[in-house]
Amino acid sequence: MKKKDDIIAEVRKYREQHAKKFKYDLKKIFSDFKQSEQQRITPKYKVAETGSQYSVKKGK
């Protein structure tokens, strides 16, 4: 069980650091999570159909 306790302690440490960074303001913490989530899930490339060919265009 020691390994799980170490993992939990590490998660709590990073959670505390993140909260402290935003002065424990829940709206700012949530906004930061949502922004980082959008950066991770936004596709980097778009596939556009041109006739019978497919081309890949770099996204924003």
C-alpha atoms as a PDB file:
ATOM      1  CA  MET A   1       0.000   0.000   0.000  1.00  0.00           C
ATOM      2  CA  LYS A   2       2.948   2.358   0.345  1.00  0.00           C
ATOM      3  CA  LYS A   3       3.183   2.877  -3.439  1.00  0.00           C
ATOM      4  CA  LYS A   4      -0.441   4.086  -3.685  1.00  0.00           C
ATOM      5  CA  ASP A   5       0.106   6.437  -0.758  1.00  0.00           C
ATOM      6  CA  ASP A   6       3.131   7.918  -2.540  1.00  0.00           C
ATOM      7  CA  ILE A   7       1.087   8.475  -5.698  1.00  0.00           C
ATOM      8  CA  ILE A   8      -1.752  10.104  -3.768  1.00  0.00           C
ATOM      9  CA  ALA A   9       0.718  12.356  -1.941  1.00  0.00           C
ATOM     10  CA  GLU A  10       2.279  13.414  -5.242  1.00  0.00           C
ATOM     11  CA  VAL A  11      -1.110  14.189  -6.819  1.00  0.00           C
ATOM     12  CA  ARG A  12      -2.087  16.247  -3.799  1.00  0.00           C
ATOM     13  CA  LYS A  13       1.236  18.110  -3.932  1.00  0.00           C
ATOM     14  CA  TYR A  14       0.687  19.136  -7.571  1.00  0.00           C
ATOM     15  CA  ARG A  15      -2.956  19.993  -6.915  1.00  0.00           C
ATOM     16  CA  GLU A  16      -1.862  22.274  -4.061  1.00  0.00           C
ATOM     17  CA  GLN A  17       0.785  23.950  -6.238  1.00  0.00           C
ATOM     18  CA  HIS A  18      -1.761  24.529  -8.988  1.00  0.00           C
ATOM     19  CA  ALA A  19      -4.308  26.015  -6.580  1.00  0.00           C
ATOM     20  CA  LYS A  20      -1.677  28.232  -4.985  1.00  0.00           C
ATOM     21  CA  LYS A  21      -0.645  29.520  -8.434  1.00  0.00           C
ATOM     22  CA  PHE A  22      -4.183  30.929  -8.820  1.00  0.00           C
ATOM     23  CA  LYS A  23      -4.481  32.058  -5.192  1.00  0.00           C
ATOM     24  CA  TYR A  24      -7.124  29.337  -4.594  1.00  0.00           C
ATOM     25  CA  ASP A  25      -9.597  31.134  -6.891  1.00  0.00           C
ATOM     26  CA  LEU A  26     -11.830  28.314  -8.171  1.00  0.00           C
ATOM     27  CA  LYS A  27     -12.957  30.242 -11.247  1.00  0.00           C
ATOM     28  CA  LYS A  28      -9.346  30.820 -12.315  1.00  0.00           C
ATOM     29  CA  ILE A  29      -8.375  27.210 -11.569  1.00  0.00           C
ATOM     30  CA  PHE A  30     -11.329  25.897 -13.588  1.00  0.00           C
ATOM     31  CA  SER A  31     -10.585  28.292 -16.448  1.00  0.00           C
ATOM     32  CA  ASP A  32      -6.983  27.074 -16.555  1.00  0.00           C
ATOM     33  CA  PHE A  33      -8.123  23.432 -16.663  1.00  0.00           C
ATOM     34  CA  LYS A  34     -10.561  24.176 -19.486  1.00  0.00           C
ATOM     35  CA  GLN A  35      -7.914  26.074 -21.466  1.00  0.00           C
ATOM     36  CA  SER A  36      -5.360  23.277 -21.137  1.00  0.00           C
ATOM     37  CA  GLU A  37      -8.051  20.756 -22.070  1.00  0.00           C
ATOM     38  CA  GLN A  38      -8.866  22.682 -25.247  1.00  0.00           C
ATOM     39  CA  GLN A  39      -5.189  22.811 -26.197  1.00  0.00           C
ATOM     40  CA  ARG A  40      -4.945  19.035 -25.826  1.00  0.00           C
ATOM     41  CA  ILE A  41      -8.089  18.143 -27.777  1.00  0.00           C
ATOM     42  CA  THR A  42      -7.897  20.729 -30.567  1.00  0.00           C
ATOM     43  CA  PRO A  43      -6.793  18.921 -33.721  1.00  0.00           C
ATOM     44  CA  LYS A  44      -3.400  20.003 -35.018  1.00  0.00           C
ATOM     45  CA  TYR A  45      -4.239  19.059 -38.603  1.00  0.00           C
ATOM     46  CA  LYS A  46      -7.404  19.223 -40.661  1.00  0.00           C
ATOM     47  CA  VAL A  47      -8.151  16.797 -43.472  1.00  0.00           C
ATOM     48  CA  ALA A  48      -9.853  18.474 -46.399  1.00  0.00           C
ATOM     49  CA  GLU A  49     -11.351  16.553 -49.308  1.00  0.00           C
ATOM     50  CA  THR A  50     -10.365  17.958 -52.701  1.00  0.00           C
ATOM     51  CA  GLY A  51     -12.090  15.989 -55.431  1.00  0.00           C
ATOM     52  CA  SER A  52     -11.000  12.376 -55.037  1.00  0.00           C
ATOM     53  CA  GLN A  53      -7.789  13.398 -53.237  1.00  0.00           C
ATOM     54  CA  TYR A  54      -7.337  14.176 -49.577  1.00  0.00           C
ATOM     55  CA  SER A  55      -4.988  16.890 -48.420  1.00  0.00           C
ATOM     56  CA  VAL A  56      -3.803  17.707 -44.934  1.00  0.00           C
ATOM     57  CA  LYS A  57      -3.690  21.330 -43.836  1.00  0.00           C
ATOM     58  CA  LYS A  58      -1.990  22.569 -40.723  1.00  0.00           C
ATOM     59  CA  GLY A  59      -4.556  23.861 -38.203  1.00  0.00           C
ATOM     60  CA  LYS A  60      -4.206  26.728 -35.753  1.00  0.00           C
END
